[in-house]
Amino acid sequence: MDSQLTDFDKKMIKRSIELAVANVEKGGEPFGAVLTKGQEVITEAVNEAYINNDITAHAEMQAIRQAGETLTQPRDADITIYASGKPCGMCMAAMLQAKISRIVFAADDELGEAYGWGTQPLYDNLKKDFGKQGIDVINCPDASSKDAFVAYANKHNA
């Protein structure tokens, strides 16, 4: 895999780690991310979950949010996220949804787990059938639930 890494990749990984270290110094968690288009840095972000008690404010999520304000298309081509640690399931799902082209990360699960930051338990839980993750999931069918979909189809297919 190292042969696939360019000097730019290595520079961006180092930058993601610098961001993570600086975030820890501010009282944050040890994660940083850099989002690029080609070889242009679009945004840099850190885990800000501690600031507003927003559990979704991981470095990768913040980078995607910020990039959405900068890029003309939310699902742009040739986008790479460089992360200081292996992305969790939530971040991975967001990156799949955003059609990120590449993910390059530094710390793997073995290193992260040694410090209490492993991602494997979440990935294992996500492999379970929907509704079997330990949260009550209740479907409440309602005839009007179709209305939003119809309104969207009418607006965008007209």
N, C-alpha and C. Protein backbone atom coordinates (compact mmCIF):
# COMPACT_ATOMS: atom_id res chain seq x y z
N MET A 1 0.82 -1.20 0.00
CA MET A 1 0.00 0.00 0.00
C MET A 1 0.86 1.25 0.00
N ASP A 2 2.02 1.21 0.64
CA ASP A 2 2.87 2.39 0.71
C ASP A 2 3.29 2.86 -0.67
N SER A 3 3.38 1.93 -1.63
CA SER A 3 3.79 2.31 -2.98
C SER A 3 2.71 3.16 -3.67
N GLN A 4 1.48 3.09 -3.19
CA GLN A 4 0.39 3.89 -3.73
C GLN A 4 0.40 5.30 -3.17
N LEU A 5 1.19 5.54 -2.15
CA LEU A 5 1.21 6.84 -1.50
C LEU A 5 2.20 7.77 -2.18
N THR A 6 1.75 8.98 -2.44
CA THR A 6 2.61 9.99 -3.04
C THR A 6 3.23 10.85 -1.95
N ASP A 7 4.17 11.69 -2.33
CA ASP A 7 4.73 12.64 -1.38
C ASP A 7 3.65 13.57 -0.85
N PHE A 8 2.70 13.94 -1.73
CA PHE A 8 1.58 14.79 -1.30
C PHE A 8 0.74 14.08 -0.24
N ASP A 9 0.46 12.79 -0.46
CA ASP A 9 -0.29 12.01 0.52
C ASP A 9 0.40 12.04 1.87
N LYS A 10 1.69 11.81 1.87
CA LYS A 10 2.45 11.77 3.12
C LYS A 10 2.46 13.14 3.81
N LYS A 11 2.53 14.20 3.02
CA LYS A 11 2.49 15.55 3.56
C LYS A 11 1.12 15.83 4.22
N MET A 12 0.05 15.39 3.56
CA MET A 12 -1.30 15.63 4.09
C MET A 12 -1.56 14.79 5.34
N ILE A 13 -1.04 13.57 5.38
CA ILE A 13 -1.18 12.75 6.59
C ILE A 13 -0.47 13.43 7.75
N LYS A 14 0.74 13.91 7.50
CA LYS A 14 1.47 14.63 8.56
C LYS A 14 0.67 15.84 9.03
N ARG A 15 0.02 16.53 8.10
CA ARG A 15 -0.79 17.70 8.47
C ARG A 15 -1.99 17.28 9.31
N SER A 16 -2.63 16.18 8.97
CA SER A 16 -3.78 15.70 9.76
C SER A 16 -3.35 15.37 11.19
N ILE A 17 -2.16 14.83 11.33
CA ILE A 17 -1.63 14.49 12.66
C ILE A 17 -1.29 15.77 13.43
N GLU A 18 -0.71 16.75 12.75
CA GLU A 18 -0.43 18.04 13.40
C GLU A 18 -1.72 18.67 13.92
N LEU A 19 -2.78 18.62 13.11
CA LEU A 19 -4.08 19.15 13.54
C LEU A 19 -4.60 18.41 14.76
N ALA A 20 -4.43 17.08 14.76
CA ALA A 20 -4.90 16.27 15.89
C ALA A 20 -4.15 16.63 17.16
N VAL A 21 -2.84 16.77 17.07
CA VAL A 21 -2.03 17.12 18.25
C VAL A 21 -2.42 18.50 18.77
N ALA A 22 -2.59 19.47 17.87
CA ALA A 22 -3.00 20.81 18.27
C ALA A 22 -4.38 20.78 18.92
N ASN A 23 -5.27 19.92 18.43
CA ASN A 23 -6.60 19.82 19.01
C ASN A 23 -6.54 19.29 20.44
N VAL A 24 -5.68 18.32 20.67
CA VAL A 24 -5.50 17.80 22.03
C VAL A 24 -4.99 18.91 22.95
N GLU A 25 -4.07 19.72 22.45
CA GLU A 25 -3.53 20.82 23.25
C GLU A 25 -4.61 21.83 23.63
N LYS A 26 -5.66 21.95 22.80
CA LYS A 26 -6.79 22.85 23.09
C LYS A 26 -7.83 22.20 23.99
N GLY A 27 -7.64 20.92 24.30
CA GLY A 27 -8.60 20.21 25.13
C GLY A 27 -9.50 19.29 24.34
N GLY A 28 -9.23 19.14 23.05
CA GLY A 28 -10.06 18.30 22.20
C GLY A 28 -9.56 16.87 22.11
N GLU A 29 -10.19 16.13 21.23
CA GLU A 29 -9.86 14.73 21.03
C GLU A 29 -8.80 14.60 19.93
N PRO A 30 -8.08 13.48 19.88
CA PRO A 30 -6.89 13.37 19.03
C PRO A 30 -7.15 13.03 17.56
N PHE A 31 -7.96 13.87 16.90
CA PHE A 31 -8.27 13.58 15.50
C PHE A 31 -8.27 14.84 14.66
N GLY A 32 -7.63 14.73 13.49
CA GLY A 32 -7.59 15.80 12.52
C GLY A 32 -7.83 15.24 11.14
N ALA A 33 -8.31 16.08 10.24
CA ALA A 33 -8.57 15.64 8.87
C ALA A 33 -8.29 16.79 7.90
N VAL A 34 -7.84 16.41 6.72
CA VAL A 34 -7.61 17.36 5.63
C VAL A 34 -8.36 16.81 4.43
N LEU A 35 -9.16 17.66 3.79
CA LEU A 35 -9.90 17.26 2.60
C LEU A 35 -9.31 18.00 1.42
N THR A 36 -8.97 17.25 0.37
CA THR A 36 -8.36 17.85 -0.81
C THR A 36 -9.14 17.50 -2.07
N LYS A 37 -9.00 18.35 -3.06
CA LYS A 37 -9.48 18.07 -4.42
C LYS A 37 -8.24 18.14 -5.29
N GLY A 38 -7.87 17.01 -5.84
CA GLY A 38 -6.59 16.95 -6.54
C GLY A 38 -5.49 17.21 -5.52
N GLN A 39 -4.66 18.19 -5.79
CA GLN A 39 -3.61 18.54 -4.84
C GLN A 39 -3.87 19.89 -4.19
N GLU A 40 -5.13 20.30 -4.17
CA GLU A 40 -5.53 21.55 -3.52
C GLU A 40 -6.23 21.23 -2.20
N VAL A 41 -5.75 21.84 -1.13
CA VAL A 41 -6.41 21.68 0.17
C VAL A 41 -7.69 22.50 0.15
N ILE A 42 -8.81 21.83 0.36
CA ILE A 42 -10.11 22.49 0.41
C ILE A 42 -10.41 22.93 1.84
N THR A 43 -10.16 22.03 2.79
CA THR A 43 -10.42 22.38 4.19
C THR A 43 -9.63 21.48 5.13
N GLU A 44 -9.41 21.99 6.32
CA GLU A 44 -8.80 21.23 7.41
C GLU A 44 -9.78 21.28 8.57
N ALA A 45 -9.85 20.19 9.32
CA ALA A 45 -10.81 20.14 10.43
C ALA A 45 -10.27 19.25 11.54
N VAL A 46 -10.85 19.45 12.71
CA VAL A 46 -10.52 18.62 13.87
C VAL A 46 -11.81 18.13 14.51
N ASN A 47 -11.67 17.14 15.37
CA ASN A 47 -12.82 16.64 16.11
C ASN A 47 -13.27 17.73 17.08
N GLU A 48 -14.50 18.18 16.92
CA GLU A 48 -15.06 19.24 17.76
C GLU A 48 -16.26 18.76 18.57
N ALA A 49 -16.35 17.47 18.77
CA ALA A 49 -17.49 16.91 19.50
C ALA A 49 -17.60 17.49 20.90
N TYR A 50 -16.48 17.82 21.50
CA TYR A 50 -16.45 18.34 22.87
C TYR A 50 -16.93 19.79 22.96
N ILE A 51 -16.90 20.54 21.88
CA ILE A 51 -17.22 21.97 21.94
C ILE A 51 -18.70 22.20 22.22
N ASN A 52 -19.57 21.62 21.41
CA ASN A 52 -21.02 21.81 21.56
C ASN A 52 -21.73 20.53 21.93
N ASN A 53 -20.97 19.58 22.46
CA ASN A 53 -21.54 18.27 22.78
C ASN A 53 -22.25 17.68 21.57
N ASP A 54 -21.62 17.82 20.40
CA ASP A 54 -22.16 17.30 19.15
C ASP A 54 -21.36 16.05 18.78
N ILE A 55 -21.91 14.91 19.07
CA ILE A 55 -21.23 13.64 18.85
C ILE A 55 -20.90 13.40 17.38
N THR A 56 -21.57 14.12 16.47
CA THR A 56 -21.29 13.94 15.04
C THR A 56 -20.17 14.84 14.54
N ALA A 57 -19.60 15.67 15.37
CA ALA A 57 -18.59 16.65 14.94
C ALA A 57 -17.19 16.05 14.90
N HIS A 58 -17.06 14.87 14.32
CA HIS A 58 -15.76 14.25 14.13
C HIS A 58 -14.99 15.03 13.07
N ALA A 59 -13.68 14.88 13.04
CA ALA A 59 -12.85 15.64 12.11
C ALA A 59 -13.29 15.44 10.65
N GLU A 60 -13.54 14.18 10.27
CA GLU A 60 -13.93 13.91 8.90
C GLU A 60 -15.30 14.53 8.57
N MET A 61 -16.23 14.44 9.51
CA MET A 61 -17.57 15.02 9.31
C MET A 61 -17.47 16.54 9.17
N GLN A 62 -16.63 17.15 10.00
CA GLN A 62 -16.46 18.60 9.94
C GLN A 62 -15.84 19.00 8.59
N ALA A 63 -14.88 18.22 8.13
CA ALA A 63 -14.24 18.52 6.85
C ALA A 63 -15.26 18.42 5.71
N ILE A 64 -16.11 17.40 5.74
CA ILE A 64 -17.14 17.26 4.71
C ILE A 64 -18.11 18.43 4.77
N ARG A 65 -18.54 18.81 5.96
CA ARG A 65 -19.47 19.95 6.11
C ARG A 65 -18.84 21.22 5.55
N GLN A 66 -17.62 21.48 5.94
CA GLN A 66 -16.94 22.70 5.49
C GLN A 66 -16.72 22.68 3.98
N ALA A 67 -16.36 21.53 3.44
CA ALA A 67 -16.13 21.42 2.00
C ALA A 67 -17.42 21.65 1.22
N GLY A 68 -18.53 21.25 1.79
CA GLY A 68 -19.82 21.47 1.15
C GLY A 68 -20.11 22.95 0.94
N GLU A 69 -19.54 23.79 1.79
CA GLU A 69 -19.71 25.24 1.65
C GLU A 69 -18.77 25.80 0.59
N THR A 70 -17.69 25.08 0.29
CA THR A 70 -16.66 25.56 -0.63
C THR A 70 -16.82 25.01 -2.03
N LEU A 71 -17.08 23.72 -2.15
CA LEU A 71 -17.18 23.08 -3.46
C LEU A 71 -18.52 23.38 -4.10
N THR A 72 -18.54 23.45 -5.42
CA THR A 72 -19.79 23.73 -6.11
C THR A 72 -20.71 22.52 -6.14
N GLN A 73 -20.13 21.35 -6.02
CA GLN A 73 -20.93 20.13 -6.00
C GLN A 73 -20.61 19.39 -4.71
N PRO A 74 -21.64 19.00 -3.95
CA PRO A 74 -21.36 18.27 -2.72
C PRO A 74 -20.71 16.92 -2.96
N ARG A 75 -20.92 16.35 -4.13
CA ARG A 75 -20.34 15.04 -4.47
C ARG A 75 -19.39 15.23 -5.64
N ASP A 76 -18.30 15.91 -5.37
CA ASP A 76 -17.34 16.25 -6.40
C ASP A 76 -16.36 15.09 -6.62
N ALA A 77 -15.76 15.02 -7.78
CA ALA A 77 -14.79 13.97 -8.08
C ALA A 77 -13.41 14.35 -7.57
N ASP A 78 -12.56 13.35 -7.45
CA ASP A 78 -11.15 13.54 -7.10
C ASP A 78 -10.97 14.12 -5.70
N ILE A 79 -11.79 13.70 -4.77
CA ILE A 79 -11.71 14.19 -3.39
C ILE A 79 -11.06 13.12 -2.53
N THR A 80 -10.07 13.53 -1.74
CA THR A 80 -9.41 12.65 -0.79
C THR A 80 -9.55 13.24 0.60
N ILE A 81 -9.85 12.41 1.57
CA ILE A 81 -9.79 12.81 2.97
C ILE A 81 -8.59 12.11 3.58
N TYR A 82 -7.77 12.90 4.25
CA TYR A 82 -6.63 12.41 5.01
C TYR A 82 -7.02 12.51 6.47
N ALA A 83 -6.97 11.41 7.19
CA ALA A 83 -7.40 11.39 8.58
C ALA A 83 -6.26 10.87 9.46
N SER A 84 -6.15 11.46 10.63
CA SER A 84 -5.09 11.04 11.56
C SER A 84 -5.35 9.65 12.12
N GLY A 85 -6.61 9.21 12.11
CA GLY A 85 -6.97 7.88 12.60
C GLY A 85 -7.97 7.22 11.68
N LYS A 86 -8.13 5.92 11.84
CA LYS A 86 -9.09 5.18 11.02
C LYS A 86 -10.49 5.74 11.25
N PRO A 87 -11.20 6.09 10.18
CA PRO A 87 -12.54 6.64 10.34
C PRO A 87 -13.50 5.65 10.99
N CYS A 88 -14.35 6.18 11.84
CA CYS A 88 -15.38 5.35 12.47
C CYS A 88 -16.49 5.06 11.45
N GLY A 89 -17.44 4.23 11.83
CA GLY A 89 -18.54 3.85 10.95
C GLY A 89 -19.38 5.03 10.49
N MET A 90 -19.63 5.99 11.39
CA MET A 90 -20.42 7.16 11.03
C MET A 90 -19.70 7.97 9.95
N CYS A 91 -18.42 8.21 10.17
CA CYS A 91 -17.64 9.00 9.20
C CYS A 91 -17.52 8.26 7.87
N MET A 92 -17.32 6.95 7.95
CA MET A 92 -17.21 6.15 6.73
C MET A 92 -18.51 6.22 5.93
N ALA A 93 -19.64 6.12 6.63
CA ALA A 93 -20.93 6.20 5.94
C ALA A 93 -21.10 7.57 5.28
N ALA A 94 -20.71 8.62 5.96
CA ALA A 94 -20.81 9.97 5.37
C ALA A 94 -19.90 10.10 4.15
N MET A 95 -18.72 9.53 4.22
CA MET A 95 -17.80 9.61 3.09
C MET A 95 -18.32 8.80 1.90
N LEU A 96 -18.95 7.67 2.17
CA LEU A 96 -19.58 6.90 1.09
C LEU A 96 -20.73 7.70 0.48
N GLN A 97 -21.54 8.31 1.33
CA GLN A 97 -22.68 9.11 0.87
C GLN A 97 -22.20 10.30 0.03
N ALA A 98 -21.09 10.90 0.45
CA ALA A 98 -20.54 12.06 -0.27
C ALA A 98 -19.73 11.65 -1.50
N LYS A 99 -19.56 10.36 -1.70
CA LYS A 99 -18.80 9.81 -2.82
C LYS A 99 -17.35 10.32 -2.83
N ILE A 100 -16.74 10.31 -1.65
CA ILE A 100 -15.32 10.64 -1.52
C ILE A 100 -14.54 9.62 -2.34
N SER A 101 -13.54 10.07 -3.09
CA SER A 101 -12.77 9.18 -3.97
C SER A 101 -11.79 8.30 -3.21
N ARG A 102 -11.11 8.89 -2.21
CA ARG A 102 -10.05 8.17 -1.48
C ARG A 102 -10.07 8.58 -0.02
N ILE A 103 -9.69 7.63 0.81
CA ILE A 103 -9.49 7.87 2.24
C ILE A 103 -8.09 7.37 2.56
N VAL A 104 -7.28 8.25 3.11
CA VAL A 104 -5.94 7.87 3.54
C VAL A 104 -5.88 8.18 5.03
N PHE A 105 -5.53 7.18 5.85
CA PHE A 105 -5.50 7.41 7.30
C PHE A 105 -4.20 6.93 7.89
N ALA A 106 -3.87 7.47 9.05
CA ALA A 106 -2.59 7.16 9.70
C ALA A 106 -2.76 6.04 10.71
N ALA A 107 -3.30 6.33 11.88
CA ALA A 107 -3.41 5.34 12.96
C ALA A 107 -4.47 4.30 12.62
N ASP A 108 -4.09 3.02 12.70
CA ASP A 108 -5.04 1.95 12.44
C ASP A 108 -5.70 1.52 13.74
N ASP A 109 -6.56 0.52 13.66
CA ASP A 109 -7.28 0.05 14.85
C ASP A 109 -6.35 -0.48 15.94
N GLU A 110 -5.28 -1.12 15.55
CA GLU A 110 -4.37 -1.67 16.55
C GLU A 110 -3.79 -0.54 17.41
N LEU A 111 -3.37 0.53 16.78
CA LEU A 111 -2.84 1.67 17.53
C LEU A 111 -3.96 2.39 18.28
N GLY A 112 -5.07 2.65 17.62
CA GLY A 112 -6.18 3.35 18.26
C GLY A 112 -6.73 2.61 19.46
N GLU A 113 -6.89 1.30 19.33
CA GLU A 113 -7.43 0.49 20.43
C GLU A 113 -6.55 0.56 21.67
N ALA A 114 -5.25 0.65 21.49
CA ALA A 114 -4.32 0.73 22.62
C ALA A 114 -4.59 1.97 23.48
N TYR A 115 -5.24 2.97 22.90
CA TYR A 115 -5.56 4.21 23.62
C TYR A 115 -7.07 4.41 23.81
N GLY A 116 -7.84 3.36 23.54
CA GLY A 116 -9.28 3.44 23.74
C GLY A 116 -10.04 4.05 22.57
N TRP A 117 -9.44 4.11 21.40
CA TRP A 117 -10.07 4.74 20.24
C TRP A 117 -10.26 3.76 19.08
N GLY A 118 -10.44 2.49 19.34
CA GLY A 118 -10.65 1.52 18.26
C GLY A 118 -12.01 1.68 17.62
N THR A 119 -12.10 1.38 16.34
CA THR A 119 -13.36 1.51 15.61
C THR A 119 -14.08 0.19 15.41
N GLN A 120 -13.41 -0.92 15.64
CA GLN A 120 -13.98 -2.22 15.30
C GLN A 120 -15.30 -2.53 16.02
N PRO A 121 -15.47 -2.19 17.30
CA PRO A 121 -16.77 -2.49 17.94
C PRO A 121 -17.96 -1.84 17.23
N LEU A 122 -17.78 -0.60 16.76
CA LEU A 122 -18.87 0.05 16.04
C LEU A 122 -19.12 -0.63 14.70
N TYR A 123 -18.05 -0.94 13.97
CA TYR A 123 -18.22 -1.65 12.70
C TYR A 123 -18.91 -3.00 12.92
N ASP A 124 -18.54 -3.71 13.98
CA ASP A 124 -19.18 -5.00 14.27
C ASP A 124 -20.67 -4.82 14.56
N ASN A 125 -21.02 -3.78 15.30
CA ASN A 125 -22.42 -3.52 15.63
C ASN A 125 -23.21 -3.17 14.37
N LEU A 126 -22.60 -2.44 13.46
CA LEU A 126 -23.28 -2.05 12.23
C LEU A 126 -23.53 -3.23 11.30
N LYS A 127 -22.78 -4.30 11.46
CA LYS A 127 -22.97 -5.49 10.62
C LYS A 127 -24.24 -6.25 10.99
N LYS A 128 -24.76 -6.00 12.17
CA LYS A 128 -25.98 -6.69 12.60
C LYS A 128 -27.16 -6.21 11.77
N ASP A 129 -28.19 -7.03 11.69
CA ASP A 129 -29.40 -6.64 10.98
C ASP A 129 -29.97 -5.36 11.56
N PHE A 130 -30.59 -4.55 10.70
CA PHE A 130 -31.21 -3.31 11.12
C PHE A 130 -32.16 -3.57 12.29
N GLY A 131 -32.03 -2.77 13.33
CA GLY A 131 -32.87 -2.91 14.51
C GLY A 131 -32.31 -3.85 15.55
N LYS A 132 -31.16 -4.44 15.28
CA LYS A 132 -30.55 -5.40 16.21
C LYS A 132 -29.28 -4.83 16.87
N GLN A 133 -29.10 -3.51 16.81
CA GLN A 133 -27.90 -2.89 17.35
C GLN A 133 -28.02 -2.48 18.81
N GLY A 134 -29.15 -2.76 19.45
CA GLY A 134 -29.31 -2.40 20.86
C GLY A 134 -30.11 -1.13 21.08
N ILE A 135 -30.73 -0.62 20.02
CA ILE A 135 -31.59 0.56 20.10
C ILE A 135 -32.98 0.13 19.65
N ASP A 136 -34.02 0.53 20.38
CA ASP A 136 -35.38 0.24 19.93
C ASP A 136 -35.65 0.97 18.63
N VAL A 137 -36.03 0.24 17.59
CA VAL A 137 -36.35 0.81 16.30
C VAL A 137 -37.78 0.40 15.99
N ILE A 138 -38.65 1.39 15.82
CA ILE A 138 -40.08 1.12 15.64
C ILE A 138 -40.55 1.81 14.36
N ASN A 139 -41.12 1.06 13.46
CA ASN A 139 -41.69 1.62 12.24
C ASN A 139 -43.12 2.03 12.54
N CYS A 140 -43.47 3.26 12.20
CA CYS A 140 -44.81 3.79 12.43
C CYS A 140 -45.38 4.25 11.09
N PRO A 141 -45.92 3.32 10.30
CA PRO A 141 -46.45 3.68 8.99
C PRO A 141 -47.55 4.74 9.08
N ASP A 142 -47.54 5.64 8.13
CA ASP A 142 -48.55 6.70 8.07
C ASP A 142 -48.76 7.01 6.59
N ALA A 143 -50.00 7.06 6.15
CA ALA A 143 -50.30 7.28 4.74
C ALA A 143 -49.70 8.58 4.22
N SER A 144 -49.58 9.59 5.08
CA SER A 144 -49.06 10.88 4.62
C SER A 144 -47.54 10.90 4.48
N SER A 145 -46.87 9.85 4.90
CA SER A 145 -45.41 9.83 4.77
C SER A 145 -44.98 9.89 3.31
N LYS A 146 -45.86 9.51 2.43
CA LYS A 146 -45.58 9.55 0.99
C LYS A 146 -45.56 10.98 0.47
N ASP A 147 -46.22 11.91 1.16
CA ASP A 147 -46.39 13.28 0.67
C ASP A 147 -45.06 13.99 0.39
N ALA A 148 -44.09 13.84 1.25
CA ALA A 148 -42.80 14.51 1.05
C ALA A 148 -42.10 13.98 -0.20
N PHE A 149 -42.18 12.67 -0.42
CA PHE A 149 -41.55 12.08 -1.60
C PHE A 149 -42.25 12.55 -2.88
N VAL A 150 -43.58 12.60 -2.85
CA VAL A 150 -44.34 13.06 -4.00
C VAL A 150 -44.02 14.53 -4.29
N ALA A 151 -43.95 15.35 -3.24
CA ALA A 151 -43.63 16.77 -3.42
C ALA A 151 -42.24 16.94 -4.04
N TYR A 152 -41.30 16.14 -3.59
CA TYR A 152 -39.94 16.21 -4.15
C TYR A 152 -39.93 15.79 -5.61
N ALA A 153 -40.60 14.67 -5.89
CA ALA A 153 -40.65 14.17 -7.28
C ALA A 153 -41.33 15.20 -8.18
N ASN A 154 -42.41 15.81 -7.73
CA ASN A 154 -43.11 16.81 -8.53
C ASN A 154 -42.24 18.04 -8.80
N LYS A 155 -41.50 18.44 -7.78
CA LYS A 155 -40.66 19.63 -7.92
C LYS A 155 -39.46 19.38 -8.84
N HIS A 156 -38.87 18.20 -8.76
CA HIS A 156 -37.65 17.94 -9.50
C HIS A 156 -37.84 17.20 -10.81
N ASN A 157 -39.01 16.67 -11.04
CA ASN A 157 -39.28 15.97 -12.29
C ASN A 157 -40.20 16.75 -13.20
N ALA A 158 -40.55 17.95 -12.79
CA ALA A 158 -41.51 18.76 -13.57
C ALA A 158 -40.88 19.38 -14.79
